[in-house]
Amino acid sequence: MNRHRAFDQITSLLIALPALITFVLFGSRVALAEPVKWCMQGCAPARCGLLSVAGEWLVPPRYGLLAQWPGDYLLVGQSGRWSVIDHTGRTVIPPRKRIFRHKEEGLFAVLTDDDKEGIMQADGKWLLRPVYDAVSYRFSRGTAWAIVDGRYGMLDRAGEWLIRPRFEHLSHFHENGSAAAKLGGRYGFVDRKGRWRIKPKFDGFRWVNAFAEQGYAAVSQNGRWGMIDQQGAWIVTPRYRQFIQFQKEQPISARTDEGWWVLDRRGKPLLSTALDKPALFSRNGQGVGKVAGKSGLFDAAGTWLIAPEYHFIAQRLRMGLRGASRDGKSYGFLDEAGRWAIEPRFSEVRGFTNAGAAFVKSGPYWGAIGPDGAWIMRPQLEEAPSASRHGPAAARRDGKWGFVSRSGRWAVKPRYDWVSGFSAAGIARVRDAENYAGIDQGGALITALYTKVDLCLRARAALKLERK
């Protein structure tokens, strides 16, 4: 499997995986009057369908696997074949050998029975006909690479070759209109017609932010990394073992035998000493770095705001505060200038939420404080609430589970033996003794789902036993 294809397939899986997990936990929203859910129905074998909050089947349970994709589409699998349907059950793409999610909504990468790939539209018509060994799962600046007989070329959206297949590797076009191309085992950069802008003489390149607004690219030569400008001249000669580019406005981390150096965008060291590990940067440009095992905080100019003498300094800055500990025993919060805003008096801390609460541990229990250090919730939780993307976070007190809001207050009082997280549809699965139900973010029972949820859980358990 080539590197581009592996990357695109992993990306496609990672994009689909949260949706699949969300459906397992209770579904996601589509363009309906109500959120929809899916579960497995029956035990020999278990089958998947699409279920409304009212408990009605929108799509009958007849598939072995069902997962939602953006744009109200669902990927379904049955008998080793894959199809795409909409939320009414209408077939959008009939059964194929494999179907992958394209980065562009309403497009799908399809693998045919003769192992050729193409791009199909939601109306079932081919945008790019299946004649390629592999094709990119995204268009970048109106183009997509494709492979024929092991060679890369570049297509436009009409399927016309801008660059005919002749390269061993070809990246997407970067901001300056060039793409990295490999020929004869070496990388160079070509324009939209495949002409060399920079002749192939490099061992490798970093595609992240290559030739972005700063106008440089990270490339390697003889196993060492440096930076070149758009004409191919060295800005930083290749002398680094590793090269890490962060977001466009952030410095670069480069590794030598001495350690990790922090470089500005022209390759000049910002700090006078190497770090133990790559620096971690927050959005305000400040960086956290370790020297001889101790953490410090420096600004965008490379000035140490806090000398590297701390056991721990958090990377993220929220509400103008970040967690820190000098000795590894007592934790508090520093302001942007590196001064103690909340004195270290906790045994553990978590970062502040956008709602202005931080969970901290005092004694054996966790509680929540505000930016002024005052208690919002006195210590009572048995463990710190886990981060939640879709609403209140699960928390446990006295052996029972409930949900705590981002403001540090109980959204659902602890009364359940087990809970799941909230889905994008705003529903969590809960268990009280042996009974399952769904609740909304205010704790109200979704009674129509009560028996359906129990049925889904039993079917999943049966499926696990069946597969052992």
Protein backbone atom coordinates (compact mmCIF):
# COMPACT_ATOMS: atom_id res chain seq x y z
CA MET A 1 0.00 0.00 0.00
CA ASN A 2 1.51 3.35 -0.99
CA ARG A 3 2.05 6.09 1.55
CA HIS A 4 -0.62 8.43 0.17
CA ARG A 5 -3.24 5.69 0.10
CA ALA A 6 -2.40 4.58 3.64
CA PHE A 7 -2.67 8.19 4.85
CA ASP A 8 -5.99 8.79 3.08
CA GLN A 9 -7.48 5.50 4.32
CA ILE A 10 -6.37 6.20 7.89
CA THR A 11 -7.80 9.72 7.61
CA SER A 12 -11.07 8.34 6.26
CA LEU A 13 -11.25 5.82 9.10
CA LEU A 14 -10.47 8.43 11.75
CA ILE A 15 -13.15 10.71 10.32
CA ALA A 16 -15.72 7.89 10.27
CA LEU A 17 -14.73 6.39 13.62
CA PRO A 18 -16.18 9.12 15.88
CA ALA A 19 -19.45 8.87 13.98
CA LEU A 20 -19.48 5.10 14.37
CA ILE A 21 -18.72 5.36 18.09
CA THR A 22 -21.38 8.04 18.44
CA PHE A 23 -23.94 5.72 16.88
CA VAL A 24 -22.94 2.89 19.17
CA LEU A 25 -23.40 5.17 22.15
CA PHE A 26 -26.67 6.64 20.91
CA GLY A 27 -26.48 8.17 17.48
CA SER A 28 -25.98 11.57 15.91
CA ARG A 29 -28.08 14.28 14.30
CA VAL A 30 -29.15 14.25 10.69
CA ALA A 31 -31.48 16.62 8.86
CA LEU A 32 -34.69 15.39 10.48
CA ALA A 33 -37.20 16.91 12.85
CA GLU A 34 -35.71 14.68 15.56
CA PRO A 35 -32.27 13.21 16.23
CA VAL A 36 -31.95 9.61 15.09
CA LYS A 37 -30.34 6.54 16.62
CA TRP A 38 -29.28 3.13 15.49
CA CYS A 39 -28.93 -0.16 17.25
CA MET A 40 -28.68 -3.86 16.54
CA GLN A 41 -31.90 -5.81 16.34
CA GLY A 42 -32.06 -9.58 16.67
CA CYS A 43 -29.39 -12.02 17.72
CA ALA A 44 -28.84 -14.56 14.96
CA PRO A 45 -27.24 -12.65 13.43
CA ALA A 46 -27.45 -9.12 14.89
CA ARG A 47 -28.55 -6.46 12.42
CA CYS A 48 -28.36 -2.65 12.30
CA GLY A 49 -31.00 -0.10 11.38
CA LEU A 50 -31.84 3.56 11.99
CA LEU A 51 -34.16 4.35 14.87
CA SER A 52 -35.93 7.62 15.72
CA VAL A 53 -36.23 8.96 19.26
CA ALA A 54 -39.88 7.95 19.15
CA GLY A 55 -38.71 4.36 18.72
CA GLU A 56 -39.80 3.99 15.08
CA TRP A 57 -37.57 2.33 12.50
CA LEU A 58 -36.56 4.86 9.83
CA VAL A 59 -34.39 2.24 8.16
CA PRO A 60 -35.32 -1.38 9.01
CA PRO A 61 -32.61 -3.41 10.78
CA ARG A 62 -31.18 -5.44 7.93
CA TYR A 63 -27.50 -4.46 7.79
CA GLY A 64 -24.46 -6.01 9.42
CA LEU A 65 -22.86 -2.59 9.96
CA LEU A 66 -24.19 0.93 9.77
CA ALA A 67 -22.33 4.22 10.35
CA GLN A 68 -23.28 7.79 9.59
CA TRP A 69 -21.23 10.07 7.37
CA PRO A 70 -21.66 13.85 7.02
CA GLY A 71 -24.39 15.02 4.69
CA ASP A 72 -27.07 12.63 5.97
CA TYR A 73 -25.42 9.62 4.36
CA LEU A 74 -24.93 6.22 5.94
CA LEU A 75 -22.35 3.59 5.07
CA VAL A 76 -23.86 0.12 5.37
CA GLY A 77 -22.32 -3.30 5.04
CA GLN A 78 -23.94 -6.58 4.21
CA SER A 79 -22.53 -9.92 2.98
CA GLY A 80 -19.06 -8.46 2.47
CA ARG A 81 -20.32 -5.62 0.22
CA TRP A 82 -20.65 -1.92 0.99
CA SER A 83 -23.35 0.58 0.03
CA VAL A 84 -24.31 4.17 0.79
CA ILE A 85 -27.90 4.99 1.72
CA ASP A 86 -29.64 8.13 2.94
CA HIS A 87 -31.66 8.43 6.16
CA THR A 88 -34.83 7.21 4.42
CA GLY A 89 -33.13 3.97 3.38
CA ARG A 90 -32.87 4.99 -0.31
CA THR A 91 -29.78 3.53 -1.99
CA VAL A 92 -27.37 6.25 -3.07
CA ILE A 93 -24.54 3.95 -4.16
CA PRO A 94 -25.33 0.28 -4.83
CA PRO A 95 -23.19 -2.49 -3.30
CA ARG A 96 -19.49 -2.21 -4.11
CA LYS A 97 -16.30 -3.95 -3.02
CA ARG A 98 -15.22 -0.99 -0.85
CA ILE A 99 -16.40 2.58 -0.33
CA PHE A 100 -14.38 5.29 1.40
CA ARG A 101 -15.50 8.70 2.56
CA HIS A 102 -14.19 11.52 0.40
CA LYS A 103 -13.13 14.75 2.12
CA GLU A 104 -15.72 16.65 0.09
CA GLU A 105 -19.32 16.16 1.19
CA GLY A 106 -21.43 14.31 -1.36
CA LEU A 107 -18.45 12.52 -2.94
CA PHE A 108 -17.34 8.94 -2.34
CA ALA A 109 -14.21 7.01 -3.28
CA VAL A 110 -15.30 3.66 -4.69
CA LEU A 111 -13.25 0.50 -5.25
CA THR A 112 -14.66 -1.73 -7.99
CA ASP A 113 -14.46 -5.51 -8.26
CA ASP A 114 -11.48 -5.25 -10.63
CA ASP A 115 -9.61 -3.21 -7.96
CA LYS A 116 -9.88 0.14 -9.74
CA GLU A 117 -10.77 3.32 -7.91
CA GLY A 118 -12.90 6.28 -8.90
CA ILE A 119 -14.88 9.12 -7.33
CA MET A 120 -18.68 8.87 -7.38
CA GLN A 121 -21.21 11.63 -6.71
CA ALA A 122 -24.28 11.32 -4.48
CA ASP A 123 -26.48 11.05 -7.58
CA GLY A 124 -24.69 7.82 -8.48
CA LYS A 125 -22.77 9.34 -11.40
CA TRP A 126 -19.02 9.10 -11.73
CA LEU A 127 -17.05 12.31 -11.25
CA LEU A 128 -13.81 10.43 -11.91
CA ARG A 129 -14.35 7.09 -13.61
CA PRO A 130 -12.87 3.96 -11.95
CA VAL A 131 -9.78 3.52 -14.12
CA TYR A 132 -7.07 4.31 -11.54
CA ASP A 133 -4.99 2.06 -9.29
CA ALA A 134 -5.59 4.67 -6.59
CA VAL A 135 -7.00 8.19 -6.43
CA SER A 136 -6.82 10.84 -3.73
CA TYR A 137 -9.76 11.13 -1.35
CA ARG A 138 -9.69 14.91 -1.54
CA PHE A 139 -9.36 17.70 -4.08
CA SER A 140 -6.74 20.32 -3.22
CA ARG A 141 -6.93 23.56 -5.14
CA GLY A 142 -9.08 21.83 -7.75
CA THR A 143 -6.72 18.90 -8.30
CA ALA A 144 -6.26 15.33 -7.10
CA TRP A 145 -3.39 12.92 -7.60
CA ALA A 146 -4.01 9.51 -9.15
CA ILE A 147 -1.89 6.42 -9.77
CA VAL A 148 -1.73 4.42 -12.99
CA ASP A 149 0.73 1.53 -13.38
CA GLY A 150 2.51 2.59 -10.20
CA ARG A 151 3.13 6.18 -11.34
CA TYR A 152 1.61 9.38 -9.96
CA GLY A 153 -0.05 12.07 -12.01
CA MET A 154 -2.39 15.01 -11.29
CA LEU A 155 -6.03 15.32 -12.40
CA ASP A 156 -8.46 18.21 -12.50
CA ARG A 157 -12.11 17.76 -11.49
CA ALA A 158 -13.08 16.92 -15.05
CA GLY A 159 -10.70 13.96 -15.02
CA GLU A 160 -8.20 15.59 -17.40
CA TRP A 161 -4.51 15.05 -16.75
CA LEU A 162 -2.72 18.24 -15.71
CA ILE A 163 0.39 16.13 -15.11
CA ARG A 164 0.52 12.74 -16.78
CA PRO A 165 1.57 9.79 -14.58
CA ARG A 166 5.36 9.63 -14.45
CA PHE A 167 6.42 10.30 -10.86
CA GLU A 168 7.22 7.86 -8.07
CA HIS A 169 5.38 10.13 -5.64
CA LEU A 170 3.42 13.37 -5.91
CA SER A 171 1.98 15.59 -3.18
CA HIS A 172 -0.97 17.93 -3.37
CA PHE A 173 -0.23 21.45 -4.56
CA HIS A 174 0.98 23.83 -1.88
CA GLU A 175 0.06 27.49 -1.38
CA ASN A 176 2.73 28.69 -3.82
CA GLY A 177 1.39 26.46 -6.61
CA SER A 178 4.09 23.82 -6.44
CA ALA A 179 3.88 20.13 -5.54
CA ALA A 180 6.60 17.86 -4.22
CA ALA A 181 7.49 15.20 -6.78
CA LYS A 182 9.77 12.18 -6.53
CA LEU A 183 11.74 10.91 -9.47
CA GLY A 184 14.81 8.69 -9.44
CA GLY A 185 14.54 8.35 -5.67
CA ARG A 186 14.86 12.12 -5.09
CA TYR A 187 12.35 14.87 -4.32
CA GLY A 188 11.98 18.18 -6.07
CA PHE A 189 9.09 20.56 -6.72
CA VAL A 190 7.02 20.94 -9.91
CA ASP A 191 4.46 23.48 -11.15
CA ARG A 192 0.91 22.70 -12.31
CA LYS A 193 2.20 21.52 -15.68
CA GLY A 194 4.73 19.14 -14.16
CA ARG A 195 7.76 21.31 -14.96
CA TRP A 196 10.56 21.40 -12.40
CA ARG A 197 10.67 24.50 -10.26
CA ILE A 198 13.29 22.95 -8.00
CA LYS A 199 15.13 19.98 -9.44
CA PRO A 200 15.01 16.66 -7.54
CA LYS A 201 17.92 16.52 -5.11
CA PHE A 202 16.35 15.90 -1.68
CA ASP A 203 15.85 12.69 0.28
CA GLY A 204 12.47 13.77 1.69
CA PHE A 205 10.22 16.70 2.55
CA ARG A 206 7.68 17.71 5.19
CA TRP A 207 4.32 18.34 3.56
CA VAL A 208 2.88 20.15 6.64
CA ASN A 209 2.77 23.89 5.87
CA ALA A 210 5.23 23.46 3.01
CA PHE A 211 5.67 26.76 1.14
CA ALA A 212 2.91 28.37 3.20
CA GLU A 213 2.81 32.11 3.87
CA GLN A 214 6.40 32.06 5.19
CA GLY A 215 7.54 30.72 1.82
CA TYR A 216 9.81 27.88 2.90
CA ALA A 217 9.77 24.09 2.99
CA ALA A 218 11.50 21.56 5.23
CA VAL A 219 13.55 19.04 3.23
CA SER A 220 16.21 16.47 4.01
CA GLN A 221 19.52 15.73 2.35
CA ASN A 222 21.88 12.93 3.32
CA GLY A 223 19.67 12.13 6.30
CA ARG A 224 19.70 15.66 7.77
CA TRP A 225 16.95 18.27 7.71
CA GLY A 226 17.00 21.94 6.77
CA MET A 227 14.83 24.59 5.12
CA ILE A 228 14.79 25.96 1.57
CA ASP A 229 13.12 28.99 0.01
CA GLN A 230 10.92 28.91 -3.09
CA GLN A 231 13.94 28.97 -5.37
CA GLY A 232 15.52 25.99 -3.61
CA ALA A 233 18.23 27.97 -1.80
CA TRP A 234 19.04 26.88 1.75
CA ILE A 235 17.64 29.07 4.50
CA VAL A 236 18.86 26.59 7.09
CA THR A 237 21.54 24.15 5.96
CA PRO A 238 20.67 20.47 6.53
CA ARG A 239 22.15 19.69 9.93
CA TYR A 240 19.19 18.53 12.04
CA ARG A 241 18.24 14.92 12.78
CA GLN A 242 14.51 15.71 13.01
CA PHE A 243 12.34 18.63 12.09
CA ILE A 244 8.88 19.39 13.52
CA GLN A 245 6.71 22.13 12.07
CA PHE A 246 3.79 23.30 14.15
CA GLN A 247 1.07 25.75 13.15
CA LYS A 248 2.10 28.51 10.79
CA GLU A 249 2.59 31.17 13.43
CA GLN A 250 4.54 28.95 15.81
CA PRO A 251 8.28 28.29 15.98
CA ILE A 252 9.96 25.11 14.75
CA SER A 253 11.49 22.33 16.83
CA ALA A 254 14.66 20.81 15.37
CA ARG A 255 16.74 18.03 16.87
CA THR A 256 20.53 17.71 17.00
CA ASP A 257 22.70 15.34 19.01
CA GLU A 258 22.51 17.88 21.85
CA GLY A 259 18.72 17.94 22.05
CA TRP A 260 15.80 19.95 20.63
CA TRP A 261 16.31 23.54 19.49
CA VAL A 262 13.53 26.10 19.10
CA LEU A 263 13.95 27.98 15.80
CA ASP A 264 12.17 30.99 14.38
CA ARG A 265 10.78 30.88 10.84
CA ARG A 266 14.16 31.87 9.42
CA GLY A 267 15.94 29.07 11.23
CA LYS A 268 17.51 31.19 13.97
CA PRO A 269 17.59 29.62 17.47
CA LEU A 270 15.25 31.41 19.90
CA LEU A 271 16.73 29.84 23.02
CA SER A 272 20.39 29.63 23.94
CA THR A 273 20.12 26.03 25.09
CA ALA A 274 18.69 22.80 23.70
CA LEU A 275 15.61 21.22 25.27
CA ASP A 276 15.05 17.63 26.39
CA LYS A 277 11.94 17.30 24.18
CA PRO A 278 10.15 19.36 21.52
CA ALA A 279 8.62 22.50 23.03
CA LEU A 280 4.84 22.70 23.46
CA PHE A 281 3.18 25.95 22.39
CA SER A 282 -0.08 27.64 23.37
CA ARG A 283 -2.05 29.93 21.10
CA ASN A 284 -0.53 33.09 22.56
CA GLY A 285 2.89 32.00 21.30
CA GLN A 286 4.31 31.02 24.67
CA GLY A 287 6.20 27.75 24.86
CA VAL A 288 6.81 25.17 27.56
CA GLY A 289 10.20 23.50 27.42
CA LYS A 290 12.19 21.07 29.56
CA VAL A 291 15.88 21.41 30.39
CA ALA A 292 17.53 18.65 32.45
CA GLY A 293 14.08 17.33 33.37
CA LYS A 294 12.69 20.66 34.61
CA SER A 295 9.99 22.72 32.87
CA GLY A 296 10.08 26.42 32.10
CA LEU A 297 7.98 28.95 30.19
CA PHE A 298 9.30 31.24 27.42
CA ASP A 299 7.70 33.88 25.21
CA ALA A 300 7.65 34.18 21.42
CA ALA A 301 10.94 36.11 21.47
CA GLY A 302 12.72 33.31 23.33
CA THR A 303 12.86 35.02 26.72
CA TRP A 304 12.32 32.78 29.73
CA LEU A 305 9.32 34.04 31.71
CA ILE A 306 9.85 31.19 34.16
CA ALA A 307 13.27 29.59 34.36
CA PRO A 308 13.23 25.80 33.80
CA GLU A 309 12.95 24.92 37.48
CA TYR A 310 9.41 23.50 37.67
CA HIS A 311 8.26 19.90 37.88
CA PHE A 312 5.29 20.65 35.61
CA ILE A 313 3.86 23.52 33.57
CA ALA A 314 0.76 22.91 31.44
CA GLN A 315 0.87 23.68 27.73
CA ARG A 316 -2.66 25.01 27.39
CA LEU A 317 -3.66 28.45 28.55
CA ARG A 318 -7.36 28.78 29.43
CA MET A 319 -9.00 31.80 31.03
CA GLY A 320 -5.49 33.29 31.07
CA LEU A 321 -4.31 30.52 33.44
CA ARG A 322 -2.30 27.32 33.20
CA GLY A 323 -1.68 24.57 35.77
CA ALA A 324 1.80 24.27 37.28
CA SER A 325 3.77 22.67 40.08
CA ARG A 326 7.25 23.49 41.29
CA ASP A 327 7.81 20.35 43.37
CA GLY A 328 5.38 17.79 41.89
CA LYS A 329 3.39 17.68 45.11
CA SER A 330 1.41 20.94 45.22
CA TYR A 331 -0.29 22.35 42.11
CA GLY A 332 -1.75 25.76 41.33
CA PHE A 333 -2.25 28.09 38.35
CA LEU A 334 0.08 30.63 36.71
CA ASP A 335 -1.04 33.73 34.79
CA GLU A 336 0.34 34.68 31.36
CA ALA A 337 3.29 36.48 32.95
CA GLY A 338 4.26 33.36 34.87
CA ARG A 339 3.10 34.60 38.29
CA TRP A 340 1.02 32.51 40.68
CA ALA A 341 -2.62 33.54 40.18
CA ILE A 342 -3.87 30.63 42.31
CA GLU A 343 -1.33 29.47 44.85
CA PRO A 344 -0.30 25.80 44.73
CA ARG A 345 -2.48 24.00 47.27
CA PHE A 346 -3.93 21.08 45.30
CA SER A 347 -2.56 17.58 44.79
CA GLU A 348 -3.68 17.50 41.12
CA VAL A 349 -5.29 19.95 38.68
CA ARG A 350 -6.98 19.92 35.29
CA GLY A 351 -7.11 22.89 32.93
CA PHE A 352 -9.92 25.45 32.97
CA THR A 353 -12.93 24.88 30.74
CA ASN A 354 -14.31 27.58 28.46
CA ALA A 355 -17.09 28.01 31.01
CA GLY A 356 -14.57 29.06 33.65
CA ALA A 357 -14.19 26.01 35.88
CA ALA A 358 -11.16 23.87 36.67
CA PHE A 359 -11.35 20.50 38.37
CA VAL A 360 -8.82 20.15 41.18
CA LYS A 361 -8.04 17.48 43.74
CA SER A 362 -7.92 18.36 47.43
CA GLY A 363 -7.43 15.45 49.77
CA PRO A 364 -9.03 12.28 48.37
CA TYR A 365 -11.70 14.05 46.29
CA TRP A 366 -12.07 16.31 43.27
CA GLY A 367 -13.97 19.58 43.18
CA ALA A 368 -14.20 22.62 40.90
CA ILE A 369 -12.86 26.17 41.30
CA GLY A 370 -13.30 29.39 39.36
CA PRO A 371 -10.54 31.66 37.96
CA ASP A 372 -10.40 33.45 41.33
CA GLY A 373 -9.62 30.16 43.10
CA ALA A 374 -12.95 30.06 44.97
CA TRP A 375 -14.84 26.77 45.19
CA ILE A 376 -17.67 26.26 42.70
CA MET A 377 -18.11 22.66 43.81
CA ARG A 378 -16.56 21.50 47.06
CA PRO A 379 -14.42 18.33 46.77
CA GLN A 380 -16.80 15.37 46.50
CA LEU A 381 -16.00 13.53 43.26
CA GLU A 382 -14.15 10.22 43.31
CA GLU A 383 -12.27 10.99 40.09
CA ALA A 384 -11.84 13.92 37.72
CA PRO A 385 -14.60 14.17 35.10
CA SER A 386 -13.43 13.10 31.65
CA ALA A 387 -13.47 15.65 28.85
CA SER A 388 -16.74 15.68 26.91
CA ARG A 389 -17.35 17.03 23.41
CA HIS A 390 -21.12 16.98 23.54
CA GLY A 391 -22.24 18.33 26.88
CA PRO A 392 -21.83 17.54 30.57
CA ALA A 393 -19.09 15.12 31.61
CA ALA A 394 -19.65 11.88 33.52
CA ALA A 395 -18.65 12.09 37.20
CA ARG A 396 -18.95 9.74 40.19
CA ARG A 397 -19.82 10.42 43.82
CA ASP A 398 -20.41 7.78 46.49
CA GLY A 399 -20.32 5.06 43.87
CA LYS A 400 -23.06 6.60 41.71
CA TRP A 401 -22.68 8.34 38.36
CA GLY A 402 -24.11 11.64 37.20
CA PHE A 403 -23.00 14.49 34.93
CA VAL A 404 -21.13 17.71 35.71
CA SER A 405 -21.39 20.77 33.46
CA ARG A 406 -18.43 22.76 32.14
CA SER A 407 -19.24 25.38 34.77
CA GLY A 408 -18.43 22.83 37.48
CA ARG A 409 -21.98 22.19 38.71
CA TRP A 410 -24.18 19.10 38.69
CA ALA A 411 -26.23 18.91 35.49
CA VAL A 412 -27.58 15.45 36.37
CA LYS A 413 -27.35 14.37 40.00
CA PRO A 414 -25.41 11.12 40.67
CA ARG A 415 -27.88 8.24 40.85
CA TYR A 416 -26.87 5.72 38.17
CA ASP A 417 -24.72 2.59 38.36
CA TRP A 418 -23.23 3.25 34.93
CA VAL A 419 -23.41 5.96 32.26
CA SER A 420 -22.07 6.58 28.77
CA GLY A 421 -21.01 9.98 27.49
CA PHE A 422 -23.48 12.28 25.75
CA SER A 423 -23.74 11.85 22.00
CA ALA A 424 -23.91 14.68 19.49
CA ALA A 425 -27.69 14.27 19.67
CA GLY A 426 -27.56 15.22 23.36
CA ILE A 427 -28.51 11.81 24.74
CA ALA A 428 -26.60 9.56 27.16
CA ARG A 429 -27.19 5.91 27.94
CA VAL A 430 -27.59 5.14 31.66
CA ARG A 431 -28.10 2.03 33.77
CA ASP A 432 -29.92 1.79 37.08
CA ALA A 433 -29.57 -1.72 38.52
CA GLU A 434 -30.34 -3.94 35.48
CA ASN A 435 -32.43 -1.43 33.53
CA TYR A 436 -31.17 0.82 30.76
CA ALA A 437 -32.57 4.11 29.55
CA GLY A 438 -31.67 7.22 27.63
CA ILE A 439 -31.58 10.68 29.25
CA ASP A 440 -31.21 14.18 27.88
CA GLN A 441 -28.70 16.73 29.19
CA GLY A 442 -31.14 17.85 31.86
CA GLY A 443 -31.54 14.31 33.14
CA ALA A 444 -35.04 13.71 31.74
CA LEU A 445 -35.74 10.11 30.70
CA ILE A 446 -36.30 9.35 27.01
CA THR A 447 -38.91 6.78 27.92
CA ALA A 448 -39.65 5.74 24.34
CA LEU A 449 -36.12 4.40 24.10
CA TYR A 450 -36.16 2.52 27.38
CA THR A 451 -36.92 -0.97 26.06
CA LYS A 452 -35.19 -0.31 22.73
CA VAL A 453 -31.93 0.49 24.51
CA ASP A 454 -32.16 -2.70 26.53
CA LEU A 455 -32.82 -4.62 23.32
CA CYS A 456 -29.80 -3.03 21.62
CA LEU A 457 -27.49 -3.87 24.49
CA ARG A 458 -28.68 -7.47 24.62
CA ALA A 459 -28.21 -7.84 20.86
CA ARG A 460 -24.66 -6.47 21.05
CA ALA A 461 -23.83 -8.86 23.89
CA ALA A 462 -25.22 -11.73 21.83
CA LEU A 463 -23.17 -10.64 18.83
CA LYS A 464 -19.97 -10.65 20.93
CA LEU A 465 -20.71 -14.19 22.12
CA GLU A 466 -21.50 -15.27 18.60
CA ARG A 467 -18.12 -14.06 17.31
CA LYS A 468 -16.00 -15.76 20.00
